[in-house]
Amino acid sequence: MALCRPRPGGLDDSKKLTPQQRGVLEERIRRRCAFGIGVVEVEAIDRLNIFHATMWAMTLAVNRLCEALGRECEQVLVDGNLTPAGRRAEWRWPARAIVGGDAREPCISAASILAKEHRDRLMRQYHATHPDYGWDRNKGYGTPDHLAALRRHGPTPLHRRSFAPVAEAELAV
């Protein structure tokens, strides 16, 4: 996320914002700032594991950001305690990990808002083809209702086989 100036007001950790606040901020961020979004499909997550898939998604996102900017990024701020540096051969940017960065760094806050809104939109689309799982409400998280639907209906092609409740549901079917 290359944060525009002046930056949109109200940026914060996406988990602390209401869906309405995130929606307004997402529109402002998309309109005014350069960004890149990286999505790793479920098969790759199962193959790589969730940690390495996250590192790959960050690499894809920063590469797309550089494409949007038309230049390389000078420094990448990453929410958490690890960066893809040394973990992905494709990673080529200086990076700094910041624990709690989505609440401390406006560019990370903006990126977390875009990521959350993008994922929530995908989950609503997936809900249209798999309504039994309540993805329009739980956004794919392992809520009690989602886990009950998984036990009742079994996993879909969108479920990670490496996620323990999915593996258990597959054994039960």
N, C-alpha and C. Protein backbone atom coordinates (compact mmCIF):
# COMPACT_ATOMS: atom_id res chain seq x y z
N MET A 1 0.85 -1.17 0.00
CA MET A 1 0.00 0.00 0.00
C MET A 1 0.89 1.22 0.00
N ALA A 2 0.78 2.02 -1.00
CA ALA A 2 1.45 3.32 -1.00
C ALA A 2 0.41 4.33 -0.57
N LEU A 3 0.58 4.85 0.59
CA LEU A 3 -0.46 5.72 1.16
C LEU A 3 -0.38 7.10 0.54
N CYS A 4 -1.52 7.55 0.07
CA CYS A 4 -1.63 8.85 -0.59
C CYS A 4 -1.58 9.97 0.45
N ARG A 5 -1.33 11.15 -0.02
CA ARG A 5 -1.36 12.33 0.84
C ARG A 5 -2.37 13.31 0.27
N PRO A 6 -3.26 13.88 1.02
CA PRO A 6 -3.44 13.55 2.43
C PRO A 6 -4.08 12.18 2.56
N ARG A 7 -3.70 11.48 3.60
CA ARG A 7 -4.24 10.12 3.78
C ARG A 7 -5.68 10.20 4.26
N PRO A 8 -6.46 9.18 3.93
CA PRO A 8 -7.86 9.16 4.39
C PRO A 8 -7.93 9.18 5.91
N GLY A 9 -8.81 9.99 6.45
CA GLY A 9 -9.00 10.05 7.90
C GLY A 9 -9.73 8.81 8.40
N GLY A 10 -9.49 8.45 9.64
CA GLY A 10 -10.21 7.34 10.25
C GLY A 10 -9.55 5.99 10.09
N LEU A 11 -8.33 5.95 9.54
CA LEU A 11 -7.65 4.66 9.37
C LEU A 11 -7.36 4.04 10.73
N ASP A 12 -7.57 2.72 10.81
CA ASP A 12 -7.32 1.97 12.04
C ASP A 12 -7.24 0.50 11.66
N ASP A 13 -6.92 -0.32 12.61
CA ASP A 13 -6.95 -1.77 12.43
C ASP A 13 -8.33 -2.14 11.89
N SER A 14 -8.37 -2.87 10.79
CA SER A 14 -9.66 -3.19 10.15
C SER A 14 -10.61 -3.92 11.10
N LYS A 15 -10.07 -4.67 12.05
CA LYS A 15 -10.92 -5.41 13.00
C LYS A 15 -11.62 -4.48 13.99
N LYS A 16 -11.12 -3.26 14.14
CA LYS A 16 -11.71 -2.29 15.07
C LYS A 16 -12.77 -1.43 14.40
N LEU A 17 -12.89 -1.52 13.09
CA LEU A 17 -13.84 -0.69 12.35
C LEU A 17 -15.12 -1.46 12.06
N THR A 18 -16.21 -0.75 11.96
CA THR A 18 -17.47 -1.39 11.56
C THR A 18 -17.42 -1.68 10.06
N PRO A 19 -18.25 -2.60 9.60
CA PRO A 19 -18.30 -2.84 8.15
C PRO A 19 -18.58 -1.56 7.35
N GLN A 20 -19.43 -0.70 7.89
CA GLN A 20 -19.74 0.56 7.20
C GLN A 20 -18.50 1.46 7.12
N GLN A 21 -17.77 1.58 8.21
CA GLN A 21 -16.56 2.40 8.21
C GLN A 21 -15.53 1.83 7.23
N ARG A 22 -15.36 0.50 7.24
CA ARG A 22 -14.42 -0.12 6.31
C ARG A 22 -14.82 0.12 4.87
N GLY A 23 -16.12 0.04 4.59
CA GLY A 23 -16.60 0.26 3.22
C GLY A 23 -16.30 1.66 2.72
N VAL A 24 -16.53 2.65 3.56
CA VAL A 24 -16.25 4.05 3.19
C VAL A 24 -14.75 4.24 2.98
N LEU A 25 -13.96 3.72 3.90
CA LEU A 25 -12.51 3.87 3.79
C LEU A 25 -11.96 3.11 2.60
N GLU A 26 -12.50 1.92 2.32
CA GLU A 26 -12.03 1.17 1.16
C GLU A 26 -12.21 1.98 -0.12
N GLU A 27 -13.36 2.59 -0.27
CA GLU A 27 -13.63 3.38 -1.48
C GLU A 27 -12.63 4.53 -1.59
N ARG A 28 -12.36 5.21 -0.49
CA ARG A 28 -11.41 6.33 -0.50
C ARG A 28 -10.00 5.85 -0.82
N ILE A 29 -9.60 4.75 -0.21
CA ILE A 29 -8.26 4.21 -0.43
C ILE A 29 -8.10 3.79 -1.89
N ARG A 30 -9.07 3.05 -2.41
CA ARG A 30 -9.00 2.58 -3.81
C ARG A 30 -8.95 3.75 -4.79
N ARG A 31 -9.68 4.80 -4.48
CA ARG A 31 -9.74 5.95 -5.38
C ARG A 31 -8.46 6.77 -5.36
N ARG A 32 -7.81 6.85 -4.20
CA ARG A 32 -6.72 7.81 -4.05
C ARG A 32 -5.33 7.22 -3.88
N CYS A 33 -5.21 5.92 -3.61
CA CYS A 33 -3.91 5.35 -3.27
C CYS A 33 -3.53 4.22 -4.22
N ALA A 34 -2.24 3.98 -4.35
CA ALA A 34 -1.76 2.82 -5.10
C ALA A 34 -1.74 1.62 -4.17
N PHE A 35 -2.11 0.46 -4.70
CA PHE A 35 -2.15 -0.74 -3.86
C PHE A 35 -2.01 -1.97 -4.74
N GLY A 36 -1.76 -3.08 -4.10
CA GLY A 36 -1.74 -4.37 -4.76
C GLY A 36 -2.34 -5.39 -3.81
N ILE A 37 -3.09 -6.32 -4.35
CA ILE A 37 -3.71 -7.37 -3.54
C ILE A 37 -3.17 -8.71 -4.04
N GLY A 38 -2.77 -9.56 -3.12
CA GLY A 38 -2.28 -10.89 -3.46
C GLY A 38 -3.20 -11.94 -2.91
N VAL A 39 -3.66 -12.84 -3.76
CA VAL A 39 -4.55 -13.93 -3.35
C VAL A 39 -3.87 -15.24 -3.68
N VAL A 40 -3.84 -16.14 -2.72
CA VAL A 40 -3.30 -17.48 -2.92
C VAL A 40 -4.47 -18.45 -2.79
N GLU A 41 -4.65 -19.28 -3.80
CA GLU A 41 -5.78 -20.20 -3.84
C GLU A 41 -5.62 -21.33 -2.82
N VAL A 42 -6.74 -21.96 -2.49
CA VAL A 42 -6.79 -22.96 -1.44
C VAL A 42 -5.83 -24.13 -1.71
N GLU A 43 -5.69 -24.55 -2.96
CA GLU A 43 -4.79 -25.66 -3.26
C GLU A 43 -3.35 -25.30 -2.92
N ALA A 44 -2.96 -24.07 -3.22
CA ALA A 44 -1.60 -23.63 -2.90
C ALA A 44 -1.41 -23.50 -1.39
N ILE A 45 -2.42 -23.05 -0.68
CA ILE A 45 -2.33 -22.95 0.78
C ILE A 45 -2.10 -24.34 1.36
N ASP A 46 -2.85 -25.32 0.89
CA ASP A 46 -2.68 -26.68 1.38
C ASP A 46 -1.29 -27.23 1.03
N ARG A 47 -0.79 -26.88 -0.13
CA ARG A 47 0.52 -27.37 -0.56
C ARG A 47 1.65 -26.70 0.22
N LEU A 48 1.54 -25.38 0.41
CA LEU A 48 2.62 -24.61 1.03
C LEU A 48 2.57 -24.58 2.56
N ASN A 49 1.40 -24.57 3.11
CA ASN A 49 0.98 -24.35 4.50
C ASN A 49 0.60 -22.88 4.64
N ILE A 50 -0.15 -22.57 5.66
CA ILE A 50 -0.74 -21.23 5.78
C ILE A 50 0.34 -20.14 5.93
N PHE A 51 1.40 -20.43 6.67
CA PHE A 51 2.48 -19.45 6.85
C PHE A 51 3.14 -19.10 5.52
N HIS A 52 3.58 -20.11 4.79
CA HIS A 52 4.27 -19.85 3.53
C HIS A 52 3.32 -19.27 2.47
N ALA A 53 2.05 -19.64 2.53
CA ALA A 53 1.07 -19.04 1.63
C ALA A 53 0.90 -17.55 1.94
N THR A 54 0.95 -17.19 3.21
CA THR A 54 0.86 -15.78 3.60
C THR A 54 2.07 -15.01 3.07
N MET A 55 3.24 -15.60 3.17
CA MET A 55 4.45 -14.96 2.64
C MET A 55 4.33 -14.77 1.12
N TRP A 56 3.77 -15.77 0.43
CA TRP A 56 3.58 -15.70 -1.02
C TRP A 56 2.56 -14.61 -1.36
N ALA A 57 1.46 -14.54 -0.60
CA ALA A 57 0.44 -13.51 -0.85
C ALA A 57 1.02 -12.10 -0.66
N MET A 58 1.86 -11.92 0.36
CA MET A 58 2.50 -10.62 0.55
C MET A 58 3.39 -10.28 -0.63
N THR A 59 4.12 -11.27 -1.12
CA THR A 59 5.01 -11.05 -2.27
C THR A 59 4.20 -10.65 -3.49
N LEU A 60 3.09 -11.35 -3.75
CA LEU A 60 2.23 -11.00 -4.88
C LEU A 60 1.68 -9.58 -4.73
N ALA A 61 1.23 -9.24 -3.52
CA ALA A 61 0.65 -7.91 -3.28
C ALA A 61 1.68 -6.80 -3.52
N VAL A 62 2.88 -6.98 -3.01
CA VAL A 62 3.89 -5.93 -3.18
C VAL A 62 4.32 -5.84 -4.64
N ASN A 63 4.43 -6.96 -5.32
CA ASN A 63 4.76 -6.91 -6.74
C ASN A 63 3.69 -6.14 -7.52
N ARG A 64 2.42 -6.37 -7.20
CA ARG A 64 1.33 -5.65 -7.87
C ARG A 64 1.34 -4.17 -7.50
N LEU A 65 1.71 -3.86 -6.26
CA LEU A 65 1.84 -2.46 -5.86
C LEU A 65 2.92 -1.78 -6.69
N CYS A 66 4.05 -2.45 -6.86
CA CYS A 66 5.14 -1.87 -7.67
C CYS A 66 4.68 -1.64 -9.11
N GLU A 67 3.91 -2.59 -9.64
CA GLU A 67 3.36 -2.41 -10.99
C GLU A 67 2.44 -1.19 -11.03
N ALA A 68 1.60 -1.02 -10.01
CA ALA A 68 0.69 0.13 -9.96
C ALA A 68 1.46 1.44 -9.86
N LEU A 69 2.55 1.42 -9.11
CA LEU A 69 3.37 2.63 -8.95
C LEU A 69 4.24 2.90 -10.17
N GLY A 70 4.56 1.85 -10.90
CA GLY A 70 5.48 1.99 -12.03
C GLY A 70 6.93 2.08 -11.58
N ARG A 71 7.22 1.60 -10.37
CA ARG A 71 8.58 1.61 -9.83
C ARG A 71 8.65 0.63 -8.66
N GLU A 72 9.88 0.36 -8.24
CA GLU A 72 10.09 -0.52 -7.09
C GLU A 72 9.74 0.19 -5.78
N CYS A 73 9.35 -0.56 -4.79
CA CYS A 73 9.07 -0.01 -3.47
C CYS A 73 10.38 0.20 -2.72
N GLU A 74 10.48 1.31 -2.04
CA GLU A 74 11.70 1.63 -1.29
C GLU A 74 11.77 0.88 0.02
N GLN A 75 10.62 0.72 0.69
CA GLN A 75 10.55 -0.05 1.92
C GLN A 75 9.13 -0.56 2.09
N VAL A 76 9.02 -1.79 2.59
CA VAL A 76 7.72 -2.40 2.82
C VAL A 76 7.54 -2.60 4.32
N LEU A 77 6.44 -2.11 4.84
CA LEU A 77 6.09 -2.32 6.25
C LEU A 77 5.12 -3.49 6.30
N VAL A 78 5.41 -4.44 7.17
CA VAL A 78 4.61 -5.67 7.26
C VAL A 78 4.04 -5.77 8.66
N ASP A 79 2.75 -6.08 8.75
CA ASP A 79 2.12 -6.30 10.05
C ASP A 79 2.55 -7.67 10.57
N GLY A 80 3.11 -7.69 11.77
CA GLY A 80 3.53 -8.96 12.36
C GLY A 80 4.99 -8.92 12.76
N ASN A 81 5.54 -10.12 12.98
CA ASN A 81 6.93 -10.18 13.43
C ASN A 81 7.87 -10.78 12.40
N LEU A 82 7.37 -11.14 11.22
CA LEU A 82 8.20 -11.71 10.17
C LEU A 82 7.84 -11.11 8.82
N THR A 83 8.81 -11.06 7.94
CA THR A 83 8.58 -10.62 6.56
C THR A 83 8.92 -11.76 5.62
N PRO A 84 8.55 -11.65 4.35
CA PRO A 84 8.92 -12.68 3.38
C PRO A 84 10.41 -12.70 3.02
N ALA A 85 11.18 -11.71 3.46
CA ALA A 85 12.62 -11.65 3.15
C ALA A 85 13.29 -12.94 3.63
N GLY A 86 13.95 -13.62 2.71
CA GLY A 86 14.61 -14.87 3.03
C GLY A 86 13.68 -16.08 3.04
N ARG A 87 12.40 -15.85 2.87
CA ARG A 87 11.42 -16.93 2.87
C ARG A 87 10.80 -17.16 1.50
N ARG A 88 10.88 -16.14 0.64
CA ARG A 88 10.39 -16.23 -0.75
C ARG A 88 11.50 -15.72 -1.65
N ALA A 89 11.92 -16.55 -2.58
CA ALA A 89 13.00 -16.16 -3.49
C ALA A 89 12.63 -14.92 -4.29
N GLU A 90 11.34 -14.70 -4.54
CA GLU A 90 10.88 -13.56 -5.34
C GLU A 90 10.89 -12.24 -4.57
N TRP A 91 11.00 -12.29 -3.26
CA TRP A 91 10.97 -11.07 -2.44
C TRP A 91 12.26 -10.29 -2.67
N ARG A 92 12.14 -9.03 -3.06
CA ARG A 92 13.32 -8.24 -3.40
C ARG A 92 13.33 -6.84 -2.77
N TRP A 93 12.47 -6.58 -1.81
CA TRP A 93 12.34 -5.25 -1.25
C TRP A 93 12.82 -5.21 0.20
N PRO A 94 13.37 -4.08 0.62
CA PRO A 94 13.67 -3.93 2.04
C PRO A 94 12.34 -3.93 2.81
N ALA A 95 12.32 -4.63 3.93
CA ALA A 95 11.07 -4.75 4.68
C ALA A 95 11.32 -4.66 6.18
N ARG A 96 10.30 -4.16 6.87
CA ARG A 96 10.35 -4.06 8.32
C ARG A 96 9.05 -4.61 8.89
N ALA A 97 9.17 -5.57 9.78
CA ALA A 97 8.00 -6.15 10.45
C ALA A 97 7.63 -5.28 11.66
N ILE A 98 6.33 -5.05 11.85
CA ILE A 98 5.84 -4.24 12.96
C ILE A 98 4.70 -4.98 13.64
N VAL A 99 4.96 -5.45 14.84
CA VAL A 99 3.91 -6.14 15.60
C VAL A 99 2.81 -5.13 15.93
N GLY A 100 1.57 -5.49 15.62
CA GLY A 100 0.46 -4.57 15.82
C GLY A 100 0.46 -3.43 14.82
N GLY A 101 1.12 -3.61 13.70
CA GLY A 101 1.27 -2.56 12.70
C GLY A 101 -0.04 -2.06 12.13
N ASP A 102 -1.07 -2.93 12.08
CA ASP A 102 -2.34 -2.48 11.51
C ASP A 102 -3.02 -1.43 12.37
N ALA A 103 -2.62 -1.31 13.62
CA ALA A 103 -3.16 -0.25 14.49
C ALA A 103 -2.17 0.91 14.66
N ARG A 104 -0.91 0.72 14.20
CA ARG A 104 0.13 1.73 14.45
C ARG A 104 0.60 2.47 13.21
N GLU A 105 0.53 1.84 12.06
CA GLU A 105 1.04 2.44 10.82
C GLU A 105 -0.11 2.65 9.84
N PRO A 106 -0.38 3.88 9.44
CA PRO A 106 -1.52 4.13 8.55
C PRO A 106 -1.49 3.32 7.25
N CYS A 107 -0.31 3.10 6.67
CA CYS A 107 -0.29 2.34 5.41
C CYS A 107 -0.66 0.89 5.65
N ILE A 108 -0.28 0.33 6.82
CA ILE A 108 -0.68 -1.05 7.14
C ILE A 108 -2.17 -1.09 7.44
N SER A 109 -2.68 -0.07 8.13
CA SER A 109 -4.12 0.01 8.40
C SER A 109 -4.90 0.00 7.09
N ALA A 110 -4.46 0.82 6.14
CA ALA A 110 -5.14 0.89 4.85
C ALA A 110 -5.08 -0.44 4.13
N ALA A 111 -3.92 -1.09 4.17
CA ALA A 111 -3.78 -2.39 3.52
C ALA A 111 -4.69 -3.42 4.18
N SER A 112 -4.80 -3.38 5.51
CA SER A 112 -5.64 -4.35 6.20
C SER A 112 -7.12 -4.13 5.86
N ILE A 113 -7.51 -2.89 5.66
CA ILE A 113 -8.90 -2.58 5.27
C ILE A 113 -9.17 -3.14 3.88
N LEU A 114 -8.26 -2.90 2.93
CA LEU A 114 -8.46 -3.43 1.58
C LEU A 114 -8.51 -4.95 1.59
N ALA A 115 -7.60 -5.57 2.34
CA ALA A 115 -7.55 -7.03 2.39
C ALA A 115 -8.83 -7.61 2.99
N LYS A 116 -9.29 -7.02 4.08
CA LYS A 116 -10.51 -7.51 4.75
C LYS A 116 -11.72 -7.34 3.84
N GLU A 117 -11.86 -6.19 3.22
CA GLU A 117 -13.00 -5.97 2.34
C GLU A 117 -12.95 -6.89 1.12
N HIS A 118 -11.76 -7.10 0.57
CA HIS A 118 -11.62 -8.01 -0.58
C HIS A 118 -12.03 -9.42 -0.19
N ARG A 119 -11.52 -9.91 0.93
CA ARG A 119 -11.85 -11.26 1.38
C ARG A 119 -13.34 -11.38 1.70
N ASP A 120 -13.90 -10.42 2.38
CA ASP A 120 -15.33 -10.48 2.70
C ASP A 120 -16.18 -10.51 1.44
N ARG A 121 -15.78 -9.77 0.42
CA ARG A 121 -16.50 -9.78 -0.86
C ARG A 121 -16.42 -11.17 -1.51
N LEU A 122 -15.24 -11.77 -1.48
CA LEU A 122 -15.08 -13.13 -2.01
C LEU A 122 -15.98 -14.11 -1.26
N MET A 123 -16.02 -13.98 0.06
CA MET A 123 -16.83 -14.91 0.85
C MET A 123 -18.32 -14.74 0.55
N ARG A 124 -18.77 -13.53 0.30
CA ARG A 124 -20.18 -13.33 -0.08
C ARG A 124 -20.45 -13.97 -1.44
N GLN A 125 -19.49 -13.88 -2.37
CA GLN A 125 -19.65 -14.53 -3.68
C GLN A 125 -19.69 -16.05 -3.51
N TYR A 126 -18.80 -16.58 -2.68
CA TYR A 126 -18.78 -18.03 -2.45
C TYR A 126 -20.08 -18.49 -1.78
N HIS A 127 -20.65 -17.65 -0.94
CA HIS A 127 -21.91 -17.98 -0.28
C HIS A 127 -23.02 -18.25 -1.30
N ALA A 128 -22.98 -17.53 -2.41
CA ALA A 128 -24.01 -17.71 -3.44
C ALA A 128 -24.02 -19.14 -3.99
N THR A 129 -22.85 -19.77 -4.07
CA THR A 129 -22.80 -21.15 -4.58
C THR A 129 -22.77 -22.20 -3.47
N HIS A 130 -22.48 -21.78 -2.25
CA HIS A 130 -22.43 -22.71 -1.11
C HIS A 130 -23.15 -22.08 0.10
N PRO A 131 -24.47 -21.88 0.02
CA PRO A 131 -25.17 -21.13 1.07
C PRO A 131 -25.26 -21.86 2.42
N ASP A 132 -25.02 -23.16 2.45
CA ASP A 132 -25.17 -23.91 3.69
C ASP A 132 -24.15 -23.53 4.76
N TYR A 133 -23.08 -22.86 4.39
CA TYR A 133 -21.98 -22.60 5.32
C TYR A 133 -22.04 -21.23 5.98
N GLY A 134 -22.97 -20.39 5.58
CA GLY A 134 -23.14 -19.08 6.21
C GLY A 134 -21.99 -18.12 5.97
N TRP A 135 -21.32 -18.25 4.83
CA TRP A 135 -20.15 -17.42 4.57
C TRP A 135 -20.50 -15.95 4.41
N ASP A 136 -21.76 -15.64 4.16
CA ASP A 136 -22.16 -14.23 4.10
C ASP A 136 -22.10 -13.60 5.49
N ARG A 137 -22.15 -14.43 6.52
CA ARG A 137 -22.10 -13.94 7.90
C ARG A 137 -20.75 -14.20 8.57
N ASN A 138 -20.24 -15.44 8.45
CA ASN A 138 -19.02 -15.78 9.18
C ASN A 138 -17.75 -15.53 8.38
N LYS A 139 -17.89 -15.19 7.11
CA LYS A 139 -16.76 -14.86 6.23
C LYS A 139 -15.71 -15.97 6.17
N GLY A 140 -16.14 -17.20 6.42
CA GLY A 140 -15.24 -18.34 6.31
C GLY A 140 -14.49 -18.68 7.57
N TYR A 141 -14.70 -17.91 8.63
CA TYR A 141 -14.03 -18.23 9.88
C TYR A 141 -14.72 -19.42 10.55
N GLY A 142 -14.00 -20.12 11.40
CA GLY A 142 -14.50 -21.34 12.03
C GLY A 142 -15.45 -21.08 13.17
N THR A 143 -16.55 -20.43 12.88
CA THR A 143 -17.58 -20.19 13.90
C THR A 143 -18.30 -21.50 14.21
N PRO A 144 -19.00 -21.58 15.34
CA PRO A 144 -19.74 -22.81 15.64
C PRO A 144 -20.72 -23.20 14.52
N ASP A 145 -21.42 -22.21 13.93
CA ASP A 145 -22.36 -22.52 12.85
C ASP A 145 -21.64 -23.06 11.61
N HIS A 146 -20.51 -22.47 11.28
CA HIS A 146 -19.74 -22.93 10.12
C HIS A 146 -19.23 -24.35 10.36
N LEU A 147 -18.71 -24.62 11.55
CA LEU A 147 -18.21 -25.96 11.86
C LEU A 147 -19.34 -26.98 11.86
N ALA A 148 -20.52 -26.59 12.34
CA ALA A 148 -21.67 -27.50 12.30
C ALA A 148 -22.06 -27.80 10.86
N ALA A 149 -22.05 -26.78 9.99
CA ALA A 149 -22.37 -27.00 8.57
C ALA A 149 -21.32 -27.89 7.92
N LEU A 150 -20.10 -27.73 8.30
CA LEU A 150 -19.02 -28.56 7.76
C LEU A 150 -19.24 -30.03 8.15
N ARG A 151 -19.62 -30.28 9.38
CA ARG A 151 -19.92 -31.65 9.82
C ARG A 151 -21.15 -32.20 9.10
N ARG A 152 -22.13 -31.36 8.88
CA ARG A 152 -23.39 -31.78 8.27
C ARG A 152 -23.26 -32.00 6.76
N HIS A 153 -22.55 -31.10 6.07
CA HIS A 153 -22.51 -31.14 4.61
C HIS A 153 -21.16 -31.57 4.03
N GLY A 154 -20.14 -31.64 4.88
CA GLY A 154 -18.81 -31.96 4.38
C GLY A 154 -18.16 -30.74 3.76
N PRO A 155 -16.88 -30.85 3.43
CA PRO A 155 -16.16 -29.70 2.87
C PRO A 155 -16.49 -29.46 1.40
N THR A 156 -16.34 -28.22 0.98
CA THR A 156 -16.47 -27.82 -0.42
C THR A 156 -15.06 -27.74 -1.01
N PRO A 157 -14.94 -27.55 -2.30
CA PRO A 157 -13.60 -27.34 -2.90
C PRO A 157 -12.92 -26.06 -2.38
N LEU A 158 -13.67 -25.19 -1.74
CA LEU A 158 -13.09 -23.95 -1.21
C LEU A 158 -12.51 -24.11 0.19
N HIS A 159 -12.76 -25.23 0.84
CA HIS A 159 -12.22 -25.47 2.17
C HIS A 159 -10.79 -25.98 2.08
N ARG A 160 -9.94 -25.48 2.98
CA ARG A 160 -8.55 -25.96 3.06
C ARG A 160 -8.55 -27.35 3.68
N ARG A 161 -7.99 -28.30 2.98
CA ARG A 161 -7.90 -29.67 3.50
C ARG A 161 -6.94 -29.74 4.68
N SER A 162 -6.02 -28.80 4.78
CA SER A 162 -5.04 -28.78 5.87
C SER A 162 -5.61 -28.19 7.16
N PHE A 163 -6.82 -27.65 7.13
CA PHE A 163 -7.47 -27.11 8.32
C PHE A 163 -8.09 -28.28 9.08
N ALA A 164 -7.73 -28.45 10.34
CA ALA A 164 -8.11 -29.64 11.12
C ALA A 164 -9.61 -29.97 11.05
N PRO A 165 -10.52 -29.01 11.25
CA PRO A 165 -11.94 -29.38 11.18
C PRO A 165 -12.36 -29.91 9.81
N VAL A 166 -11.70 -29.47 8.74
CA VAL A 166 -12.03 -29.98 7.41
C VAL A 166 -11.53 -31.41 7.28
N ALA A 167 -10.31 -31.67 7.73
CA ALA A 167 -9.77 -33.02 7.69
C ALA A 167 -10.66 -33.97 8.50
N GLU A 168 -11.12 -33.52 9.65
CA GLU A 168 -12.02 -34.34 10.48
C GLU A 168 -13.34 -34.59 9.78
N ALA A 169 -13.89 -33.57 9.14
CA ALA A 169 -15.17 -33.71 8.42
C ALA A 169 -15.02 -34.67 7.26
N GLU A 170 -13.89 -34.64 6.57
CA GLU A 170 -13.67 -35.57 5.46
C GLU A 170 -13.61 -37.00 5.94
N LEU A 171 -13.05 -37.23 7.12
CA LEU A 171 -12.98 -38.58 7.67
C LEU A 171 -14.37 -39.08 8.05
N ALA A 172 -15.24 -38.15 8.46
CA ALA A 172 -16.58 -38.52 8.91
C ALA A 172 -17.52 -38.79 7.74
N VAL A 173 -17.22 -38.27 6.56
CA VAL A 173 -18.13 -38.42 5.41
C VAL A 173 -17.92 -39.76 4.74
